[in-house]
Amino acid sequence: MKTMRKKEMSKVWDKQIGGKHYQNFKIQPSKFVVENKLLFPEGCAIKYICRHPFKGGKEDLLKAIHFIEMMIERDYPSPAQEEKIKTNYWGILRRDK
């Protein structure tokens, strides 16, 4: 069943809806995110960093920075925040460092 599912999924990565800016890469950012089981903010940051020269320019880089700031707040809270909460505002336990 797993091999059949991988074959079905491989067709998904052969197309792109709404442009061709991800087709320039050896591996599409979304496939990289899925294969590495990354969280949503990490995936978005990667997507915006990869596509900025082909689509959104500076605005895409600013979006990537925004998602990186979310990750910093989530994973590296200030000491005051550390005392108040043991999970982030998404309800996800922080990773042990």
PDB file of N, CA and C in Angstrom:
ATOM      1  N   MET A   1       0.818  -1.200   0.000  1.00  0.00           N
ATOM      2  CA  MET A   1       0.000   0.000   0.000  1.00  0.00           C
ATOM      3  C   MET A   1       0.862   1.265   0.000  1.00  0.00           C
ATOM      4  N   LYS A   2       1.946   1.244   0.781  1.00  0.00           N
ATOM      5  CA  LYS A   2       2.812   2.419   0.838  1.00  0.00           C
ATOM      6  C   LYS A   2       3.456   2.719  -0.504  1.00  0.00           C
ATOM      7  N   THR A   3       3.899   1.686  -1.226  1.00  0.00           N
ATOM      8  CA  THR A   3       4.534   1.931  -2.520  1.00  0.00           C
ATOM      9  C   THR A   3       3.533   2.491  -3.516  1.00  0.00           C
ATOM     10  N   MET A   4       2.303   2.015  -3.480  1.00  0.00           N
ATOM     11  CA  MET A   4       1.261   2.540  -4.360  1.00  0.00           C
ATOM     12  C   MET A   4       1.002   4.010  -4.038  1.00  0.00           C
ATOM     13  N   ARG A   5       0.939   4.332  -2.782  1.00  0.00           N
ATOM     14  CA  ARG A   5       0.677   5.710  -2.366  1.00  0.00           C
ATOM     15  C   ARG A   5       1.798   6.639  -2.819  1.00  0.00           C
ATOM     16  N   LYS A   6       3.054   6.197  -2.704  1.00  0.00           N
ATOM     17  CA  LYS A   6       4.173   7.033  -3.155  1.00  0.00           C
ATOM     18  C   LYS A   6       4.103   7.278  -4.657  1.00  0.00           C
ATOM     19  N   LYS A   7       3.716   6.263  -5.430  1.00  0.00           N
ATOM     20  CA  LYS A   7       3.593   6.438  -6.877  1.00  0.00           C
ATOM     21  C   LYS A   7       2.500   7.444  -7.203  1.00  0.00           C
ATOM     22  N   GLU A   8       1.370   7.355  -6.488  1.00  0.00           N
ATOM     23  CA  GLU A   8       0.277   8.301  -6.710  1.00  0.00           C
ATOM     24  C   GLU A   8       0.708   9.712  -6.357  1.00  0.00           C
ATOM     25  N   MET A   9       1.428   9.859  -5.246  1.00  0.00           N
ATOM     26  CA  MET A   9       1.858  11.178  -4.802  1.00  0.00           C
ATOM     27  C   MET A   9       2.892  11.780  -5.730  1.00  0.00           C
ATOM     28  N   SER A  10       3.713  10.943  -6.377  1.00  0.00           N
ATOM     29  CA  SER A  10       4.762  11.482  -7.230  1.00  0.00           C
ATOM     30  C   SER A  10       4.177  12.299  -8.380  1.00  0.00           C
ATOM     31  N   LYS A  11       2.979  11.961  -8.842  1.00  0.00           N
ATOM     32  CA  LYS A  11       2.334  12.723  -9.917  1.00  0.00           C
ATOM     33  C   LYS A  11       1.956  14.136  -9.466  1.00  0.00           C
ATOM     34  N   VAL A  12       1.673  14.285  -8.188  1.00  0.00           N
ATOM     35  CA  VAL A  12       1.296  15.587  -7.650  1.00  0.00           C
ATOM     36  C   VAL A  12       2.422  16.596  -7.829  1.00  0.00           C
ATOM     37  N   TRP A  13       3.656  16.161  -7.667  1.00  0.00           N
ATOM     38  CA  TRP A  13       4.800  17.063  -7.735  1.00  0.00           C
ATOM     39  C   TRP A  13       5.170  17.433  -9.170  1.00  0.00           C
ATOM     40  N   ASP A  14       4.543  16.781 -10.153  1.00  0.00           N
ATOM     41  CA  ASP A  14       4.829  17.073 -11.553  1.00  0.00           C
ATOM     42  C   ASP A  14       4.069  18.288 -12.081  1.00  0.00           C
ATOM     43  N   LYS A  15       3.149  18.806 -11.286  1.00  0.00           N
ATOM     44  CA  LYS A  15       2.366  19.945 -11.771  1.00  0.00           C
ATOM     45  C   LYS A  15       2.401  21.086 -10.763  1.00  0.00           C
ATOM     46  N   GLN A  16       2.057  22.258 -11.261  1.00  0.00           N
ATOM     47  CA  GLN A  16       1.935  23.431 -10.401  1.00  0.00           C
ATOM     48  C   GLN A  16       0.779  24.265 -10.916  1.00  0.00           C
ATOM     49  N   ILE A  17      -0.051  24.706 -10.013  1.00  0.00           N
ATOM     50  CA  ILE A  17      -1.202  25.518 -10.382  1.00  0.00           C
ATOM     51  C   ILE A  17      -0.875  26.974 -10.060  1.00  0.00           C
ATOM     52  N   GLY A  18      -1.020  27.838 -11.040  1.00  0.00           N
ATOM     53  CA  GLY A  18      -0.783  29.259 -10.821  1.00  0.00           C
ATOM     54  C   GLY A  18       0.655  29.695 -10.991  1.00  0.00           C
ATOM     55  N   GLY A  19       1.305  29.253 -12.010  1.00  0.00           N
ATOM     56  CA  GLY A  19       2.664  29.703 -12.290  1.00  0.00           C
ATOM     57  C   GLY A  19       3.615  28.556 -12.530  1.00  0.00           C
ATOM     58  N   LYS A  20       4.884  28.912 -12.707  1.00  0.00           N
ATOM     59  CA  LYS A  20       5.919  27.899 -12.945  1.00  0.00           C
ATOM     60  C   LYS A  20       7.146  28.146 -12.067  1.00  0.00           C
ATOM     61  N   HIS A  21       7.035  29.045 -11.089  1.00  0.00           N
ATOM     62  CA  HIS A  21       8.193  29.434 -10.299  1.00  0.00           C
ATOM     63  C   HIS A  21       8.772  28.295  -9.465  1.00  0.00           C
ATOM     64  N   TYR A  22       8.011  27.269  -9.112  1.00  0.00           N
ATOM     65  CA  TYR A  22       8.572  26.143  -8.360  1.00  0.00           C
ATOM     66  C   TYR A  22       9.125  25.058  -9.281  1.00  0.00           C
ATOM     67  N   GLN A  23       8.763  25.095 -10.543  1.00  0.00           N
ATOM     68  CA  GLN A  23       9.241  24.087 -11.492  1.00  0.00           C
ATOM     69  C   GLN A  23      10.741  24.254 -11.785  1.00  0.00           C
ATOM     70  N   ASN A  24      11.330  25.370 -11.407  1.00  0.00           N
ATOM     71  CA  ASN A  24      12.750  25.628 -11.640  1.00  0.00           C
ATOM     72  C   ASN A  24      13.665  24.848 -10.697  1.00  0.00           C
ATOM     73  N   PHE A  25      13.102  24.282  -9.644  1.00  0.00           N
ATOM     74  CA  PHE A  25      13.912  23.627  -8.625  1.00  0.00           C
ATOM     75  C   PHE A  25      14.025  22.128  -8.851  1.00  0.00           C
ATOM     76  N   LYS A  26      15.126  21.548  -8.404  1.00  0.00           N
ATOM     77  CA  LYS A  26      15.304  20.098  -8.487  1.00  0.00           C
ATOM     78  C   LYS A  26      14.269  19.379  -7.629  1.00  0.00           C
ATOM     79  N   ILE A  27      13.914  19.977  -6.498  1.00  0.00           N
ATOM     80  CA  ILE A  27      12.847  19.466  -5.650  1.00  0.00           C
ATOM     81  C   ILE A  27      11.978  20.656  -5.257  1.00  0.00           C
ATOM     82  N   GLN A  28      10.673  20.516  -5.418  1.00  0.00           N
ATOM     83  CA  GLN A  28       9.780  21.612  -5.076  1.00  0.00           C
ATOM     84  C   GLN A  28       9.809  21.843  -3.562  1.00  0.00           C
ATOM     85  N   PRO A  29       9.740  23.103  -3.128  1.00  0.00           N
ATOM     86  CA  PRO A  29       9.753  23.387  -1.694  1.00  0.00           C
ATOM     87  C   PRO A  29       8.697  22.592  -0.920  1.00  0.00           C
ATOM     88  N   SER A  30       7.505  22.448  -1.489  1.00  0.00           N
ATOM     89  CA  SER A  30       6.445  21.717  -0.784  1.00  0.00           C
ATOM     90  C   SER A  30       6.815  20.249  -0.595  1.00  0.00           C
ATOM     91  N   LYS A  31       7.463  19.657  -1.576  1.00  0.00           N
ATOM     92  CA  LYS A  31       7.886  18.256  -1.445  1.00  0.00           C
ATOM     93  C   LYS A  31       8.967  18.137  -0.376  1.00  0.00           C
ATOM     94  N   PHE A  32       9.901  19.067  -0.354  1.00  0.00           N
ATOM     95  CA  PHE A  32      10.943  19.077   0.666  1.00  0.00           C
ATOM     96  C   PHE A  32      10.330  19.154   2.060  1.00  0.00           C
ATOM     97  N   VAL A  33       9.338  20.027   2.227  1.00  0.00           N
ATOM     98  CA  VAL A  33       8.674  20.208   3.521  1.00  0.00           C
ATOM     99  C   VAL A  33       7.970  18.918   3.943  1.00  0.00           C
ATOM    100  N   VAL A  34       7.232  18.311   3.029  1.00  0.00           N
ATOM    101  CA  VAL A  34       6.503  17.077   3.330  1.00  0.00           C
ATOM    102  C   VAL A  34       7.465  15.941   3.658  1.00  0.00           C
ATOM    103  N   GLU A  35       8.486  15.761   2.823  1.00  0.00           N
ATOM    104  CA  GLU A  35       9.434  14.659   3.021  1.00  0.00           C
ATOM    105  C   GLU A  35      10.198  14.782   4.344  1.00  0.00           C
ATOM    106  N   ASN A  36      10.408  16.000   4.804  1.00  0.00           N
ATOM    107  CA  ASN A  36      11.145  16.226   6.043  1.00  0.00           C
ATOM    108  C   ASN A  36      10.236  16.469   7.246  1.00  0.00           C
ATOM    109  N   LYS A  37       8.922  16.353   7.039  1.00  0.00           N
ATOM    110  CA  LYS A  37       7.927  16.473   8.115  1.00  0.00           C
ATOM    111  C   LYS A  37       8.104  17.765   8.915  1.00  0.00           C
ATOM    112  N   LEU A  38       8.277  18.870   8.186  1.00  0.00           N
ATOM    113  CA  LEU A  38       8.455  20.160   8.837  1.00  0.00           C
ATOM    114  C   LEU A  38       7.095  20.745   9.230  1.00  0.00           C
ATOM    115  N   LEU A  39       7.113  21.633  10.188  1.00  0.00           N
ATOM    116  CA  LEU A  39       5.898  22.315  10.617  1.00  0.00           C
ATOM    117  C   LEU A  39       5.551  23.442   9.640  1.00  0.00           C
ATOM    118  N   PHE A  40       4.332  23.948   9.756  1.00  0.00           N
ATOM    119  CA  PHE A  40       3.818  24.961   8.831  1.00  0.00           C
ATOM    120  C   PHE A  40       4.715  26.197   8.716  1.00  0.00           C
ATOM    121  N   PRO A  41       5.142  26.832   9.831  1.00  0.00           N
ATOM    122  CA  PRO A  41       5.981  28.031   9.677  1.00  0.00           C
ATOM    123  C   PRO A  41       7.305  27.760   8.965  1.00  0.00           C
ATOM    124  N   GLU A  42       7.933  26.619   9.246  1.00  0.00           N
ATOM    125  CA  GLU A  42       9.177  26.276   8.565  1.00  0.00           C
ATOM    126  C   GLU A  42       8.937  26.121   7.067  1.00  0.00           C
ATOM    127  N   GLY A  43       7.841  25.446   6.727  1.00  0.00           N
ATOM    128  CA  GLY A  43       7.503  25.246   5.319  1.00  0.00           C
ATOM    129  C   GLY A  43       7.250  26.549   4.589  1.00  0.00           C
ATOM    130  N   CYS A  44       6.531  27.443   5.235  1.00  0.00           N
ATOM    131  CA  CYS A  44       6.246  28.739   4.603  1.00  0.00           C
ATOM    132  C   CYS A  44       7.517  29.552   4.406  1.00  0.00           C
ATOM    133  N   ALA A  45       8.388  29.557   5.410  1.00  0.00           N
ATOM    134  CA  ALA A  45       9.649  30.302   5.277  1.00  0.00           C
ATOM    135  C   ALA A  45      10.464  29.771   4.104  1.00  0.00           C
ATOM    136  N   ILE A  46      10.558  28.449   3.991  1.00  0.00           N
ATOM    137  CA  ILE A  46      11.298  27.835   2.881  1.00  0.00           C
ATOM    138  C   ILE A  46      10.671  28.219   1.551  1.00  0.00           C
ATOM    139  N   LYS A  47       9.358  28.132   1.468  1.00  0.00           N
ATOM    140  CA  LYS A  47       8.644  28.460   0.222  1.00  0.00           C
ATOM    141  C   LYS A  47       8.942  29.895  -0.211  1.00  0.00           C
ATOM    142  N   TYR A  48       8.814  30.840   0.712  1.00  0.00           N
ATOM    143  CA  TYR A  48       9.009  32.250   0.345  1.00  0.00           C
ATOM    144  C   TYR A  48      10.463  32.551  -0.001  1.00  0.00           C
ATOM    145  N   ILE A  49      11.401  31.937   0.701  1.00  0.00           N
ATOM    146  CA  ILE A  49      12.818  32.149   0.387  1.00  0.00           C
ATOM    147  C   ILE A  49      13.133  31.624  -1.009  1.00  0.00           C
ATOM    148  N   CYS A  50      12.610  30.452  -1.336  1.00  0.00           N
ATOM    149  CA  CYS A  50      12.890  29.853  -2.650  1.00  0.00           C
ATOM    150  C   CYS A  50      12.287  30.645  -3.807  1.00  0.00           C
ATOM    151  N   ARG A  51      11.087  31.164  -3.621  1.00  0.00           N
ATOM    152  CA  ARG A  51      10.403  31.763  -4.764  1.00  0.00           C
ATOM    153  C   ARG A  51      10.663  33.256  -4.953  1.00  0.00           C
ATOM    154  N   HIS A  52      11.311  33.926  -3.995  1.00  0.00           N
ATOM    155  CA  HIS A  52      11.432  35.385  -4.084  1.00  0.00           C
ATOM    156  C   HIS A  52      12.042  35.902  -5.386  1.00  0.00           C
ATOM    157  N   PRO A  53      13.051  35.247  -5.983  1.00  0.00           N
ATOM    158  CA  PRO A  53      13.586  35.822  -7.221  1.00  0.00           C
ATOM    159  C   PRO A  53      12.647  35.666  -8.414  1.00  0.00           C
ATOM    160  N   PHE A  54      11.700  34.727  -8.319  1.00  0.00           N
ATOM    161  CA  PHE A  54      10.833  34.417  -9.459  1.00  0.00           C
ATOM    162  C   PHE A  54       9.431  34.987  -9.343  1.00  0.00           C
ATOM    163  N   LYS A  55       9.009  35.365  -8.129  1.00  0.00           N
ATOM    164  CA  LYS A  55       7.618  35.783  -7.966  1.00  0.00           C
ATOM    165  C   LYS A  55       7.481  37.063  -7.155  1.00  0.00           C
ATOM    166  N   GLY A  56       7.635  36.997  -5.839  1.00  0.00           N
ATOM    167  CA  GLY A  56       7.249  38.105  -4.976  1.00  0.00           C
ATOM    168  C   GLY A  56       8.326  39.077  -4.586  1.00  0.00           C
ATOM    169  N   GLY A  57       9.569  38.798  -4.950  1.00  0.00           N
ATOM    170  CA  GLY A  57      10.664  39.720  -4.640  1.00  0.00           C
ATOM    171  C   GLY A  57      10.820  39.987  -3.155  1.00  0.00           C
ATOM    172  N   LYS A  58      11.042  41.250  -2.817  1.00  0.00           N
ATOM    173  CA  LYS A  58      11.280  41.656  -1.431  1.00  0.00           C
ATOM    174  C   LYS A  58      10.117  41.258  -0.526  1.00  0.00           C
ATOM    175  N   GLU A  59       8.893  41.362  -1.017  1.00  0.00           N
ATOM    176  CA  GLU A  59       7.729  41.008  -0.193  1.00  0.00           C
ATOM    177  C   GLU A  59       7.789  39.548   0.255  1.00  0.00           C
ATOM    178  N   ASP A  60       8.237  38.650  -0.615  1.00  0.00           N
ATOM    179  CA  ASP A  60       8.384  37.246  -0.223  1.00  0.00           C
ATOM    180  C   ASP A  60       9.429  37.088   0.876  1.00  0.00           C
ATOM    181  N   LEU A  61      10.516  37.842   0.799  1.00  0.00           N
ATOM    182  CA  LEU A  61      11.528  37.767   1.856  1.00  0.00           C
ATOM    183  C   LEU A  61      10.984  38.299   3.178  1.00  0.00           C
ATOM    184  N   LEU A  62      10.172  39.350   3.120  1.00  0.00           N
ATOM    185  CA  LEU A  62       9.553  39.872   4.345  1.00  0.00           C
ATOM    186  C   LEU A  62       8.578  38.856   4.933  1.00  0.00           C
ATOM    187  N   LYS A  63       7.875  38.138   4.076  1.00  0.00           N
ATOM    188  CA  LYS A  63       6.983  37.072   4.557  1.00  0.00           C
ATOM    189  C   LYS A  63       7.794  35.965   5.221  1.00  0.00           C
ATOM    190  N   ALA A  64       8.927  35.599   4.633  1.00  0.00           N
ATOM    191  CA  ALA A  64       9.791  34.572   5.217  1.00  0.00           C
ATOM    192  C   ALA A  64      10.281  35.011   6.601  1.00  0.00           C
ATOM    193  N   ILE A  65      10.678  36.266   6.703  1.00  0.00           N
ATOM    194  CA  ILE A  65      11.125  36.804   7.997  1.00  0.00           C
ATOM    195  C   ILE A  65      10.008  36.698   9.023  1.00  0.00           C
ATOM    196  N   HIS A  66       8.790  37.005   8.628  1.00  0.00           N
ATOM    197  CA  HIS A  66       7.647  36.933   9.533  1.00  0.00           C
ATOM    198  C   HIS A  66       7.473  35.514  10.077  1.00  0.00           C
ATOM    199  N   PHE A  67       7.573  34.526   9.200  1.00  0.00           N
ATOM    200  CA  PHE A  67       7.442  33.140   9.655  1.00  0.00           C
ATOM    201  C   PHE A  67       8.619  32.727  10.532  1.00  0.00           C
ATOM    202  N   ILE A  68       9.810  33.223  10.239  1.00  0.00           N
ATOM    203  CA  ILE A  68      10.971  32.929  11.084  1.00  0.00           C
ATOM    204  C   ILE A  68      10.783  33.554  12.463  1.00  0.00           C
ATOM    205  N   GLU A  69      10.228  34.747  12.510  1.00  0.00           N
ATOM    206  CA  GLU A  69       9.939  35.378  13.806  1.00  0.00           C
ATOM    207  C   GLU A  69       8.935  34.540  14.610  1.00  0.00           C
ATOM    208  N   MET A  70       7.945  33.955  13.926  1.00  0.00           N
ATOM    209  CA  MET A  70       6.998  33.064  14.600  1.00  0.00           C
ATOM    210  C   MET A  70       7.724  31.861  15.204  1.00  0.00           C
ATOM    211  N   MET A  71       8.667  31.311  14.446  1.00  0.00           N
ATOM    212  CA  MET A  71       9.413  30.142  14.918  1.00  0.00           C
ATOM    213  C   MET A  71      10.271  30.502  16.132  1.00  0.00           C
ATOM    214  N   ILE A  72      10.890  31.676  16.102  1.00  0.00           N
ATOM    215  CA  ILE A  72      11.713  32.124  17.230  1.00  0.00           C
ATOM    216  C   ILE A  72      10.847  32.268  18.472  1.00  0.00           C
ATOM    217  N   GLU A  73       9.696  32.897  18.327  1.00  0.00           N
ATOM    218  CA  GLU A  73       8.794  33.070  19.470  1.00  0.00           C
ATOM    219  C   GLU A  73       8.316  31.714  19.998  1.00  0.00           C
ATOM    220  N   ARG A  74       8.044  30.804  19.088  1.00  0.00           N
ATOM    221  CA  ARG A  74       7.567  29.471  19.464  1.00  0.00           C
ATOM    222  C   ARG A  74       8.643  28.655  20.172  1.00  0.00           C
ATOM    223  N   ASP A  75       9.854  28.655  19.624  1.00  0.00           N
ATOM    224  CA  ASP A  75      10.902  27.756  20.100  1.00  0.00           C
ATOM    225  C   ASP A  75      11.858  28.370  21.121  1.00  0.00           C
ATOM    226  N   TYR A  76      11.943  29.687  21.174  1.00  0.00           N
ATOM    227  CA  TYR A  76      12.893  30.354  22.054  1.00  0.00           C
ATOM    228  C   TYR A  76      12.214  31.490  22.826  1.00  0.00           C
ATOM    229  N   PRO A  77      11.276  31.143  23.706  1.00  0.00           N
ATOM    230  CA  PRO A  77      10.547  32.191  24.430  1.00  0.00           C
ATOM    231  C   PRO A  77      11.459  32.936  25.410  1.00  0.00           C
ATOM    232  N   SER A  78      11.054  34.142  25.724  1.00  0.00           N
ATOM    233  CA  SER A  78      11.787  34.919  26.720  1.00  0.00           C
ATOM    234  C   SER A  78      11.619  34.234  28.082  1.00  0.00           C
ATOM    235  N   PRO A  79      12.507  34.532  29.027  1.00  0.00           N
ATOM    236  CA  PRO A  79      12.382  33.914  30.357  1.00  0.00           C
ATOM    237  C   PRO A  79      11.004  34.162  30.996  1.00  0.00           C
ATOM    238  N   ALA A  80      10.429  35.338  30.794  1.00  0.00           N
ATOM    239  CA  ALA A  80       9.104  35.633  31.356  1.00  0.00           C
ATOM    240  C   ALA A  80       8.042  34.728  30.737  1.00  0.00           C
ATOM    241  N   GLN A  81       8.111  34.543  29.422  1.00  0.00           N
ATOM    242  CA  GLN A  81       7.165  33.651  28.751  1.00  0.00           C
ATOM    243  C   GLN A  81       7.379  32.210  29.192  1.00  0.00           C
ATOM    244  N   GLU A  82       8.629  31.842  29.420  1.00  0.00           N
ATOM    245  CA  GLU A  82       8.983  30.475  29.823  1.00  0.00           C
ATOM    246  C   GLU A  82       8.291  30.099  31.126  1.00  0.00           C
ATOM    247  N   GLU A  83       8.232  31.041  32.057  1.00  0.00           N
ATOM    248  CA  GLU A  83       7.596  30.777  33.347  1.00  0.00           C
ATOM    249  C   GLU A  83       6.083  30.618  33.223  1.00  0.00           C
ATOM    250  N   LYS A  84       5.472  31.358  32.310  1.00  0.00           N
ATOM    251  CA  LYS A  84       4.013  31.364  32.182  1.00  0.00           C
ATOM    252  C   LYS A  84       3.464  30.136  31.473  1.00  0.00           C
ATOM    253  N   ILE A  85       4.164  29.692  30.435  1.00  0.00           N
ATOM    254  CA  ILE A  85       3.600  28.624  29.612  1.00  0.00           C
ATOM    255  C   ILE A  85       4.602  27.512  29.355  1.00  0.00           C
ATOM    256  N   LYS A  86       4.069  26.315  29.192  1.00  0.00           N
ATOM    257  CA  LYS A  86       4.896  25.174  28.821  1.00  0.00           C
ATOM    258  C   LYS A  86       4.633  24.773  27.369  1.00  0.00           C
ATOM    259  N   THR A  87       3.569  25.325  26.765  1.00  0.00           N
ATOM    260  CA  THR A  87       3.290  25.098  25.348  1.00  0.00           C
ATOM    261  C   THR A  87       3.187  26.459  24.681  1.00  0.00           C
ATOM    262  N   ASN A  88       3.336  26.470  23.366  1.00  0.00           N
ATOM    263  CA  ASN A  88       3.203  27.730  22.644  1.00  0.00           C
ATOM    264  C   ASN A  88       1.731  28.017  22.366  1.00  0.00           C
ATOM    265  N   TYR A  89       1.449  29.125  21.721  1.00  0.00           N
ATOM    266  CA  TYR A  89       0.047  29.489  21.503  1.00  0.00           C
ATOM    267  C   TYR A  89      -0.645  28.624  20.476  1.00  0.00           C
ATOM    268  N   TRP A  90       0.085  27.738  19.795  1.00  0.00           N
ATOM    269  CA  TRP A  90      -0.548  26.769  18.907  1.00  0.00           C
ATOM    270  C   TRP A  90      -0.937  25.519  19.682  1.00  0.00           C
ATOM    271  N   GLY A  91      -0.532  25.462  20.978  1.00  0.00           N
ATOM    272  CA  GLY A  91      -0.827  24.287  21.777  1.00  0.00           C
ATOM    273  C   GLY A  91       0.161  23.155  21.564  1.00  0.00           C
ATOM    274  N   ILE A  92       1.296  23.458  20.927  1.00  0.00           N
ATOM    275  CA  ILE A  92       2.296  22.438  20.640  1.00  0.00           C
ATOM    276  C   ILE A  92       3.403  22.552  21.689  1.00  0.00           C
ATOM    277  N   LEU A  93       3.749  21.434  22.272  1.00  0.00           N
ATOM    278  CA  LEU A  93       4.851  21.449  23.231  1.00  0.00           C
ATOM    279  C   LEU A  93       6.138  21.827  22.522  1.00  0.00           C
ATOM    280  N   ARG A  94       6.940  22.636  23.167  1.00  0.00           N
ATOM    281  CA  ARG A  94       8.223  23.010  22.588  1.00  0.00           C
ATOM    282  C   ARG A  94       9.146  21.804  22.556  1.00  0.00           C
ATOM    283  N   ARG A  95      10.019  21.809  21.600  1.00  0.00           N
ATOM    284  CA  ARG A  95      11.014  20.735  21.507  1.00  0.00           C
ATOM    285  C   ARG A  95      12.048  20.905  22.605  1.00  0.00           C
ATOM    286  N   ASP A  96      12.469  19.810  23.200  1.00  0.00           N
ATOM    287  CA  ASP A  96      13.553  19.864  24.183  1.00  0.00           C
ATOM    288  C   ASP A  96      14.854  20.122  23.451  1.00  0.00           C
ATOM    289  N   LYS A  97      15.623  21.016  23.974  1.00  0.00           N
ATOM    290  CA  LYS A  97      16.899  21.376  23.333  1.00  0.00           C
ATOM    291  C   LYS A  97      18.012  20.561  23.930  1.00  0.00           C
TER     292      LYS A  97
END
